[in-house]
Amino acid sequence: MKQPPGFIDSNFPTHVCKLQKSIYGLKQAPRQWFQKLTSHLQHFGFRFSRSDPSLLIFQQNNIQIFFLIYVDDILLTGNDQPTIQSLLHQLKSTFALKQLGQASLFLGIQISKSTSSYFLHQTHYAEQLLQTANLEDCRSAPTPITPSKGSSDSSDQLFADPTLYRKLASSLQYLTITRPDIAFATNRICQHMHAPTEHHFKSLKQVLRYVKGTINYGLPLTIGNLQLTSYTDADWASDSEDRKSISGFCTFLGTTLISWTVKKQPTVARSSTEAEYRALAAATTEVLWLRCLIEELQIPQNSPTKIYCDNTSAISLAKNPIFHARTKHIEIDYHFLRQHLDSGYITIHHVTSAAQIADVLTKALPIAQFEELRHKLTIRPPNAQFEGVS
C-alpha cells in the first residue's frame, strides 16, 4: 500500500492511512457488511440456518420469515406482512435499503410468476452471452453435445484466443443455474480451459447454438407434494484421457427439480459398480443436506428419501454387509451409505436405464433420448405444458 497521488505527506512519505471503518471494494468490506447486517437481524429475533450460512430464519408462534443474503442482494419472504414491514422499518433506520417489491430478477435469474407456479430462467443473460460470442444469428443445434465416435483430438491446433474461450465457458457455468440440460456439456468444456484447442471451441459453439434454439427455456417451480426423490448415475471410465468416471445426480421436491450435480470423480474407478457406488454416496450426501435444509423451512420428511439407481450391483453392495477382496477399496463409502440406510434417512431403489433421469447429466445422448430426459428434468419454455416426473 502507498499514499494516493495528491495526498502524500512530505514529512512521512512512506506512511499509509489507517482505516477507521471498512471501505467498499476492499476484501474485508463484504465480511464487515455481513456481520453488521446479521447482527441487526439476530437482535430482531432471526437465527442462522444450520444448513446455509447465508440464510437467516425468523420463527415465532405461527410467523415464518426467511432472509437470504448474497453480498448486498437480498431476498425476503414470509407469511406475515406486518412483521416484514416492521423489520424493514427497523433496517431502514440503519441501512440504505431499496425495496423492489415482488421478486422479478435476482442475480441475473429472471423470475416469472403465475397463479400456481414460478418460472426461473436466464433469457437476458443467454442473449448477452450469444452477443459476446457473436453467435446471436447462428443456427440452432438440437443437443448441446453429440455422442463421441472415439476419435482423439490430442494433436489438434490450439485455439487462438484462450481468454475468450475461458470467458464463454465460465459464463455457461453460470447459465447452468437454471439449465441443467447443458450441465454435462459445460462440464466437459470447462475441463480444457488451461489449453483449449479448435476442437474444444467447436464443442463450445455447439452448446451456444443449442442455447440459441432454447433461449427461453427454464426451470418451473410448481405446487405439488413435498417429498424428496433423487436419481443417481455414473458413466464409468468415460474420459479417454485419464479414464475417470463422471457422476451425476438430480433431486426433486415433488415434481420440482431443486438440485443437480455433474462432476468428474477424483480417482479412477476399477469397475462400473465402484463408479456407480461413488455416485450413490455423493447423492446421499446431497440428500442429507437437503433434508436438513427443508426441515428448517418447515417441510419435514417423514419417510426415507428414495434414491433411484440403475446399477443392480451397486444396490446389492449397499444392502449386503459382506466385503470381499475386490470391494475393500470402497469400504469407506460403503460404511457411510450403510449407516444412513440403517438410520432410515434414505432407501435405494432400482430404476431401468431407460427411465434413469440422471443419464442426461453423465453422457452425450441421441436427440430423441436427450429430449425425453430434458422433459423429465422439467426444463421447458415458459408456457409449455408440464406433466411431472415419470
Protein backbone atom coordinates (compact mmCIF):
# COMPACT_ATOMS: atom_id res chain seq x y z
CA MET A 1 0.00 0.00 0.00
CA LYS A 2 1.06 3.58 -0.57
CA GLN A 3 -0.36 7.07 -0.21
CA PRO A 4 -2.59 8.17 -3.10
CA PRO A 5 -1.29 10.86 -5.51
CA GLY A 6 -2.11 14.37 -4.25
CA PHE A 7 -2.28 13.28 -0.61
CA ILE A 8 1.36 12.41 0.04
CA ASP A 9 2.65 13.70 3.36
CA SER A 10 6.14 15.10 2.72
CA ASN A 11 7.13 14.50 6.35
CA PHE A 12 6.04 10.85 6.27
CA PRO A 13 6.19 9.76 2.62
CA THR A 14 6.21 6.04 3.48
CA HIS A 15 3.24 6.13 5.85
CA VAL A 16 -0.23 4.99 4.86
CA CYS A 17 -3.70 5.89 6.14
CA LYS A 18 -5.28 3.91 8.95
CA LEU A 19 -8.84 2.83 8.17
CA GLN A 20 -11.34 3.67 10.91
CA LYS A 21 -14.08 1.64 9.18
CA SER A 22 -14.40 -0.71 6.21
CA ILE A 23 -14.34 0.78 2.73
CA TYR A 24 -16.37 -0.61 -0.17
CA GLY A 25 -14.15 -2.54 -2.55
CA LEU A 26 -11.73 -3.97 -0.01
CA LYS A 27 -11.68 -7.71 0.62
CA GLN A 28 -12.71 -7.20 4.23
CA ALA A 29 -15.69 -4.97 3.36
CA PRO A 30 -18.22 -7.72 2.48
CA ARG A 31 -17.45 -9.55 5.73
CA GLN A 32 -17.90 -6.38 7.78
CA TRP A 33 -21.16 -5.61 5.97
CA PHE A 34 -22.46 -9.15 6.50
CA GLN A 35 -21.54 -9.10 10.18
CA LYS A 36 -23.26 -5.76 10.79
CA LEU A 37 -26.43 -6.73 8.90
CA THR A 38 -26.77 -10.16 10.52
CA SER A 39 -26.18 -8.65 13.98
CA HIS A 40 -29.23 -6.44 13.46
CA LEU A 41 -31.26 -9.41 12.22
CA GLN A 42 -30.29 -11.55 15.20
CA HIS A 43 -31.29 -8.69 17.52
CA PHE A 44 -34.71 -8.73 15.78
CA GLY A 45 -35.06 -12.46 16.51
CA PHE A 46 -33.56 -14.19 13.47
CA ARG A 47 -31.23 -17.18 13.72
CA PHE A 48 -28.77 -18.61 11.23
CA SER A 49 -29.79 -21.68 9.27
CA ARG A 50 -27.71 -24.72 10.19
CA SER A 51 -27.55 -25.74 6.53
CA ASP A 52 -26.93 -22.43 4.76
CA PRO A 53 -24.88 -19.66 6.44
CA SER A 54 -26.38 -17.01 4.12
CA LEU A 55 -29.96 -17.84 5.19
CA LEU A 56 -31.50 -16.42 8.37
CA ILE A 57 -34.81 -17.66 9.73
CA PHE A 58 -37.38 -15.98 11.98
CA GLN A 59 -39.92 -18.31 13.59
CA GLN A 60 -42.25 -17.08 16.31
CA ASN A 61 -45.67 -18.55 17.04
CA ASN A 62 -47.00 -19.19 13.51
CA ILE A 63 -44.91 -16.47 11.88
CA GLN A 64 -42.15 -17.57 9.48
CA ILE A 65 -39.80 -15.17 7.69
CA PHE A 66 -36.78 -16.13 5.56
CA PHE A 67 -33.96 -13.67 4.85
CA LEU A 68 -31.46 -14.73 2.15
CA ILE A 69 -28.30 -12.65 1.65
CA TYR A 70 -25.90 -12.59 -1.28
CA VAL A 71 -23.47 -9.69 -0.56
CA ASP A 72 -25.84 -6.70 -0.94
CA ASP A 73 -28.63 -8.50 -2.83
CA ILE A 74 -31.39 -9.76 -0.55
CA LEU A 75 -34.48 -11.94 -0.88
CA LEU A 76 -37.04 -11.57 1.88
CA THR A 77 -40.21 -13.63 2.16
CA GLY A 78 -42.59 -14.77 4.86
CA ASN A 79 -46.19 -15.37 5.84
CA ASP A 80 -46.80 -12.24 7.93
CA GLN A 81 -46.72 -8.88 6.15
CA PRO A 82 -46.90 -6.65 9.31
CA THR A 83 -43.81 -8.36 10.78
CA ILE A 84 -41.96 -7.97 7.46
CA GLN A 85 -42.83 -4.25 7.34
CA SER A 86 -41.69 -3.83 10.96
CA LEU A 87 -38.37 -5.49 10.07
CA LEU A 88 -37.89 -3.28 7.01
CA HIS A 89 -38.69 -0.13 9.02
CA GLN A 90 -36.07 -1.10 11.61
CA LEU A 91 -33.44 -1.90 8.97
CA LYS A 92 -34.07 1.36 7.08
CA SER A 93 -33.15 3.31 10.20
CA THR A 94 -29.60 1.90 9.93
CA PHE A 95 -29.12 0.85 6.29
CA ALA A 96 -29.89 2.50 2.96
CA LEU A 97 -32.31 -0.11 1.60
CA LYS A 98 -34.19 -0.09 -1.68
CA GLN A 99 -37.38 -2.15 -1.64
CA LEU A 100 -38.09 -3.52 -5.13
CA GLY A 101 -41.41 -5.26 -4.45
CA GLN A 102 -42.15 -8.70 -5.87
CA ALA A 103 -39.00 -10.55 -6.97
CA SER A 104 -38.57 -10.48 -10.75
CA LEU A 105 -34.76 -10.56 -11.11
CA PHE A 106 -32.19 -11.89 -8.67
CA LEU A 107 -28.50 -12.31 -9.54
CA GLY A 108 -29.29 -12.49 -13.24
CA ILE A 109 -32.08 -15.05 -12.76
CA GLN A 110 -35.44 -13.87 -14.07
CA ILE A 111 -38.47 -14.88 -12.03
CA SER A 112 -41.89 -15.11 -13.72
CA LYS A 113 -44.94 -15.70 -11.54
CA SER A 114 -48.30 -17.26 -12.38
CA THR A 115 -51.24 -18.17 -10.19
CA SER A 116 -49.88 -21.63 -9.44
CA SER A 117 -46.13 -21.57 -10.11
CA TYR A 118 -42.91 -19.67 -10.59
CA PHE A 119 -40.67 -19.95 -13.63
CA LEU A 120 -36.91 -19.32 -13.35
CA HIS A 121 -34.94 -18.53 -16.49
CA GLN A 122 -31.91 -16.58 -17.71
CA THR A 123 -33.07 -15.43 -21.14
CA HIS A 124 -31.44 -11.98 -20.93
CA TYR A 125 -28.18 -13.50 -19.69
CA ALA A 126 -28.18 -16.06 -22.53
CA GLU A 127 -28.79 -13.32 -25.10
CA GLN A 128 -25.81 -11.34 -23.78
CA LEU A 129 -23.68 -14.49 -23.88
CA LEU A 130 -24.54 -15.09 -27.54
CA GLN A 131 -23.72 -11.48 -28.36
CA THR A 132 -20.32 -11.84 -26.66
CA ALA A 133 -19.62 -14.88 -28.86
CA ASN A 134 -21.01 -13.14 -31.99
CA LEU A 135 -23.48 -16.01 -32.39
CA GLU A 136 -26.78 -14.15 -31.93
CA ASP A 137 -27.73 -15.03 -35.54
CA CYS A 138 -26.37 -18.58 -35.60
CA ARG A 139 -28.31 -21.72 -36.49
CA SER A 140 -29.59 -23.68 -33.51
CA ALA A 141 -28.43 -27.21 -32.57
CA PRO A 142 -30.78 -29.95 -31.33
CA THR A 143 -28.47 -31.06 -28.47
CA PRO A 144 -25.61 -29.37 -26.57
CA ILE A 145 -23.21 -32.25 -27.25
CA THR A 146 -23.11 -35.11 -29.73
CA PRO A 147 -22.09 -38.68 -28.83
CA SER A 148 -18.35 -39.14 -29.41
CA LYS A 149 -17.11 -41.57 -32.03
CA GLY A 150 -13.92 -42.19 -30.08
CA SER A 151 -11.55 -40.13 -32.23
CA SER A 152 -8.68 -38.40 -30.45
CA ASP A 153 -8.02 -34.69 -30.77
CA SER A 154 -4.72 -34.61 -28.85
CA SER A 155 -2.85 -33.15 -31.85
CA ASP A 156 -5.50 -30.51 -32.57
CA GLN A 157 -4.35 -26.90 -33.05
CA LEU A 158 -4.55 -24.62 -30.01
CA PHE A 159 -7.36 -22.06 -30.08
CA ALA A 160 -6.07 -18.58 -30.93
CA ASP A 161 -7.99 -16.71 -28.19
CA PRO A 162 -7.99 -18.77 -24.97
CA THR A 163 -9.24 -15.75 -22.97
CA LEU A 164 -12.45 -15.70 -25.00
CA TYR A 165 -12.85 -19.45 -24.52
CA ARG A 166 -12.49 -19.13 -20.74
CA LYS A 167 -14.90 -16.21 -20.61
CA LEU A 168 -17.58 -18.07 -22.55
CA ALA A 169 -17.04 -21.32 -20.65
CA SER A 170 -17.36 -19.64 -17.24
CA SER A 171 -20.48 -17.81 -18.45
CA LEU A 172 -22.01 -21.13 -19.49
CA GLN A 173 -21.31 -22.42 -15.99
CA TYR A 174 -23.48 -19.64 -14.56
CA LEU A 175 -26.19 -20.41 -17.10
CA THR A 176 -26.47 -23.96 -15.71
CA ILE A 177 -28.13 -22.47 -12.60
CA THR A 178 -31.46 -22.78 -14.45
CA ARG A 179 -30.33 -25.03 -17.32
CA PRO A 180 -29.21 -28.47 -16.07
CA ASP A 181 -29.70 -29.76 -19.63
CA ILE A 182 -26.36 -28.15 -20.57
CA ALA A 183 -24.57 -29.13 -17.33
CA PHE A 184 -22.76 -32.17 -18.74
CA ALA A 185 -21.64 -30.41 -21.93
CA THR A 186 -20.44 -27.40 -19.91
CA ASN A 187 -18.55 -29.67 -17.54
CA ARG A 188 -16.69 -31.21 -20.50
CA ILE A 189 -15.86 -27.78 -21.93
CA CYS A 190 -14.53 -26.43 -18.62
CA GLN A 191 -12.04 -29.29 -18.31
CA HIS A 192 -9.98 -27.76 -21.14
CA MET A 193 -9.75 -24.13 -20.04
CA HIS A 194 -5.98 -24.40 -19.45
CA ALA A 195 -5.20 -25.14 -23.12
CA PRO A 196 -8.30 -25.05 -25.35
CA THR A 197 -7.99 -26.27 -28.93
CA GLU A 198 -10.00 -25.52 -32.05
CA HIS A 199 -11.91 -28.75 -31.46
CA HIS A 200 -12.82 -27.65 -27.93
CA PHE A 201 -14.03 -24.27 -29.19
CA LYS A 202 -16.14 -26.05 -31.78
CA SER A 203 -17.75 -28.03 -28.94
CA LEU A 204 -18.32 -24.81 -27.02
CA LYS A 205 -20.03 -23.25 -30.04
CA GLN A 206 -22.37 -26.25 -30.27
CA VAL A 207 -23.52 -25.59 -26.69
CA LEU A 208 -24.13 -21.95 -27.60
CA ARG A 209 -26.04 -22.99 -30.73
CA TYR A 210 -28.20 -25.24 -28.57
CA VAL A 211 -28.80 -22.34 -26.17
CA LYS A 212 -29.81 -20.21 -29.15
CA GLY A 213 -32.60 -22.65 -30.03
CA THR A 214 -33.79 -22.99 -26.43
CA ILE A 215 -33.06 -19.47 -25.20
CA ASN A 216 -36.29 -19.05 -23.25
CA TYR A 217 -36.16 -22.46 -21.56
CA GLY A 218 -36.02 -22.53 -17.80
CA LEU A 219 -36.98 -24.24 -14.59
CA PRO A 220 -40.58 -24.31 -13.25
CA LEU A 221 -41.35 -24.31 -9.53
CA THR A 222 -44.77 -25.92 -9.23
CA ILE A 223 -47.26 -26.72 -6.48
CA GLY A 224 -47.42 -30.40 -5.54
CA ASN A 225 -46.32 -32.95 -2.98
CA LEU A 226 -43.20 -32.11 -0.98
CA GLN A 227 -41.46 -35.48 -0.91
CA LEU A 228 -37.77 -35.65 -1.86
CA THR A 229 -36.64 -38.15 -4.51
CA SER A 230 -33.22 -38.45 -6.14
CA TYR A 231 -31.77 -40.11 -9.25
CA THR A 232 -28.10 -41.02 -9.49
CA ASP A 233 -25.95 -42.33 -12.33
CA ALA A 234 -22.32 -42.69 -13.36
CA ASP A 235 -20.54 -43.15 -16.68
CA TRP A 236 -17.64 -45.48 -15.98
CA ALA A 237 -14.17 -44.51 -17.29
CA SER A 238 -15.78 -42.15 -19.80
CA ASP A 239 -12.82 -39.75 -20.05
CA SER A 240 -10.45 -41.18 -22.65
CA GLU A 241 -7.54 -39.09 -21.33
CA ASP A 242 -7.45 -40.12 -17.66
CA ARG A 243 -10.18 -42.82 -17.53
CA LYS A 244 -12.01 -41.17 -14.65
CA SER A 245 -15.76 -41.61 -14.37
CA ILE A 246 -18.48 -38.97 -14.38
CA SER A 247 -21.00 -38.80 -11.53
CA GLY A 248 -24.38 -37.19 -11.97
CA PHE A 249 -27.43 -36.91 -9.77
CA CYS A 250 -30.59 -34.81 -9.57
CA THR A 251 -33.08 -34.33 -6.75
CA PHE A 252 -36.76 -33.42 -6.94
CA LEU A 253 -39.06 -31.92 -4.33
CA GLY A 254 -42.31 -33.38 -5.57
CA THR A 255 -42.21 -32.60 -9.30
CA THR A 256 -39.86 -29.62 -8.91
CA LEU A 257 -36.17 -30.06 -9.70
CA ILE A 258 -34.22 -28.38 -6.88
CA SER A 259 -30.68 -29.79 -7.08
CA TRP A 260 -28.34 -31.41 -9.61
CA THR A 261 -24.65 -32.12 -9.97
CA VAL A 262 -22.27 -33.18 -12.73
CA LYS A 263 -18.76 -33.98 -11.53
CA LYS A 264 -15.74 -35.99 -12.59
CA GLN A 265 -14.77 -38.46 -9.88
CA PRO A 266 -11.44 -37.63 -8.17
CA THR A 267 -9.91 -41.10 -8.66
CA VAL A 268 -10.15 -43.84 -11.26
CA ALA A 269 -12.83 -46.44 -10.53
CA ARG A 270 -11.79 -50.01 -11.23
CA SER A 271 -15.30 -51.21 -12.08
CA SER A 272 -18.66 -49.81 -13.11
CA THR A 273 -20.02 -50.92 -9.72
CA GLU A 274 -17.43 -48.79 -7.94
CA ALA A 275 -18.20 -45.76 -10.14
CA GLU A 276 -21.94 -46.12 -9.53
CA TYR A 277 -21.40 -46.64 -5.82
CA ARG A 278 -19.37 -43.45 -5.51
CA ALA A 279 -22.11 -41.54 -7.33
CA LEU A 280 -24.63 -43.11 -4.94
CA ALA A 281 -22.60 -41.96 -1.91
CA ALA A 282 -22.32 -38.40 -3.33
CA ALA A 283 -26.08 -38.28 -3.96
CA THR A 284 -26.68 -39.46 -0.38
CA THR A 285 -24.57 -36.58 0.95
CA GLU A 286 -26.66 -34.10 -1.05
CA VAL A 287 -29.95 -35.69 0.08
CA LEU A 288 -28.94 -35.50 3.74
CA TRP A 289 -28.12 -31.80 3.37
CA LEU A 290 -31.39 -31.10 1.55
CA ARG A 291 -33.40 -32.97 4.19
CA CYS A 292 -31.83 -30.78 6.88
CA LEU A 293 -32.42 -27.58 4.90
CA ILE A 294 -36.06 -28.16 4.02
CA GLU A 295 -36.80 -29.31 7.55
CA GLU A 296 -35.72 -25.82 8.66
CA LEU A 297 -38.17 -24.49 6.08
CA GLN A 298 -40.92 -26.45 7.86
CA ILE A 299 -41.10 -29.22 5.23
CA PRO A 300 -40.28 -32.32 7.28
CA GLN A 301 -39.57 -35.61 5.52
CA ASN A 302 -41.50 -38.22 7.46
CA SER A 303 -40.38 -41.13 5.30
CA PRO A 304 -36.98 -42.17 3.89
CA THR A 305 -35.86 -40.39 0.74
CA LYS A 306 -35.90 -42.68 -2.29
CA ILE A 307 -32.70 -42.72 -4.35
CA TYR A 308 -33.03 -44.39 -7.75
CA CYS A 309 -30.02 -46.18 -9.25
CA ASP A 310 -29.87 -48.32 -12.42
CA ASN A 311 -26.93 -50.49 -11.32
CA THR A 312 -28.09 -53.63 -9.52
CA SER A 313 -24.57 -54.49 -8.35
CA ALA A 314 -24.19 -51.14 -6.57
CA ILE A 315 -27.61 -51.59 -4.94
CA SER A 316 -26.73 -55.11 -3.81
CA LEU A 317 -23.44 -53.90 -2.40
CA ALA A 318 -25.23 -51.16 -0.43
CA LYS A 319 -27.54 -53.71 1.15
CA ASN A 320 -25.03 -56.52 1.68
CA PRO A 321 -22.56 -56.15 4.59
CA ILE A 322 -20.15 -58.80 3.23
CA PHE A 323 -16.98 -57.49 1.59
CA HIS A 324 -14.52 -59.40 -0.49
CA ALA A 325 -11.09 -58.55 -1.87
CA ARG A 326 -12.42 -56.74 -4.94
CA THR A 327 -14.50 -54.23 -2.95
CA LYS A 328 -12.36 -53.42 0.10
CA HIS A 329 -11.07 -50.24 -1.53
CA ILE A 330 -14.56 -48.65 -1.42
CA GLU A 331 -15.27 -49.68 2.17
CA ILE A 332 -15.44 -46.08 3.49
CA ASP A 333 -18.21 -45.16 1.05
CA TYR A 334 -19.92 -48.41 1.96
CA HIS A 335 -19.98 -47.69 5.70
CA PHE A 336 -21.23 -44.14 5.08
CA LEU A 337 -24.05 -45.32 2.84
CA ARG A 338 -24.91 -48.29 5.04
CA GLN A 339 -25.17 -46.08 8.14
CA HIS A 340 -27.80 -43.84 6.56
CA LEU A 341 -29.69 -46.79 5.12
CA ASP A 342 -29.92 -48.27 8.61
CA SER A 343 -30.95 -44.93 10.11
CA GLY A 344 -33.94 -44.74 7.76
CA TYR A 345 -32.98 -41.44 6.10
CA ILE A 346 -32.71 -43.00 2.63
CA THR A 347 -33.80 -46.06 0.69
CA ILE A 348 -32.27 -47.24 -2.57
CA HIS A 349 -34.43 -48.45 -5.45
CA HIS A 350 -33.65 -49.87 -8.86
CA VAL A 351 -34.75 -48.00 -11.97
CA THR A 352 -34.27 -49.13 -15.55
CA SER A 353 -31.59 -47.41 -17.60
CA ALA A 354 -34.28 -46.08 -19.95
CA ALA A 355 -36.01 -44.34 -17.02
CA GLN A 356 -32.82 -43.04 -15.40
CA ILE A 357 -33.22 -39.25 -15.50
CA ALA A 358 -29.63 -38.63 -14.34
CA ASP A 359 -28.38 -40.20 -17.60
CA VAL A 360 -28.59 -36.75 -19.21
CA LEU A 361 -26.07 -35.48 -16.63
CA THR A 362 -23.36 -38.08 -17.32
CA LYS A 363 -23.12 -38.64 -21.07
CA ALA A 364 -23.89 -37.36 -24.55
CA LEU A 365 -27.17 -38.79 -25.83
CA PRO A 366 -29.01 -39.14 -29.16
CA ILE A 367 -31.55 -36.39 -29.90
CA ALA A 368 -34.72 -38.35 -29.05
CA GLN A 369 -33.39 -39.67 -25.75
CA PHE A 370 -31.95 -36.26 -24.80
CA GLU A 371 -35.28 -34.51 -25.43
CA GLU A 372 -37.19 -37.13 -23.41
CA LEU A 373 -34.87 -36.78 -20.40
CA ARG A 374 -34.86 -32.99 -20.72
CA HIS A 375 -38.65 -33.13 -20.42
CA LYS A 376 -38.36 -35.31 -17.31
CA LEU A 377 -35.91 -32.78 -15.85
CA THR A 378 -38.82 -30.30 -16.34
CA ILE A 379 -36.68 -27.93 -18.47
CA ARG A 380 -39.13 -26.26 -20.84
CA PRO A 381 -40.34 -22.97 -22.34
CA PRO A 382 -42.40 -20.74 -20.02
CA ASN A 383 -45.85 -21.66 -21.40
CA ALA A 384 -45.30 -25.36 -22.16
CA GLN A 385 -47.49 -27.97 -20.51
CA PHE A 386 -45.85 -29.72 -17.59
CA GLU A 387 -46.67 -33.35 -16.85
CA GLY A 388 -44.29 -34.04 -13.99
CA VAL A 389 -41.65 -36.68 -13.41
CA SER A 390 -42.44 -40.21 -14.52
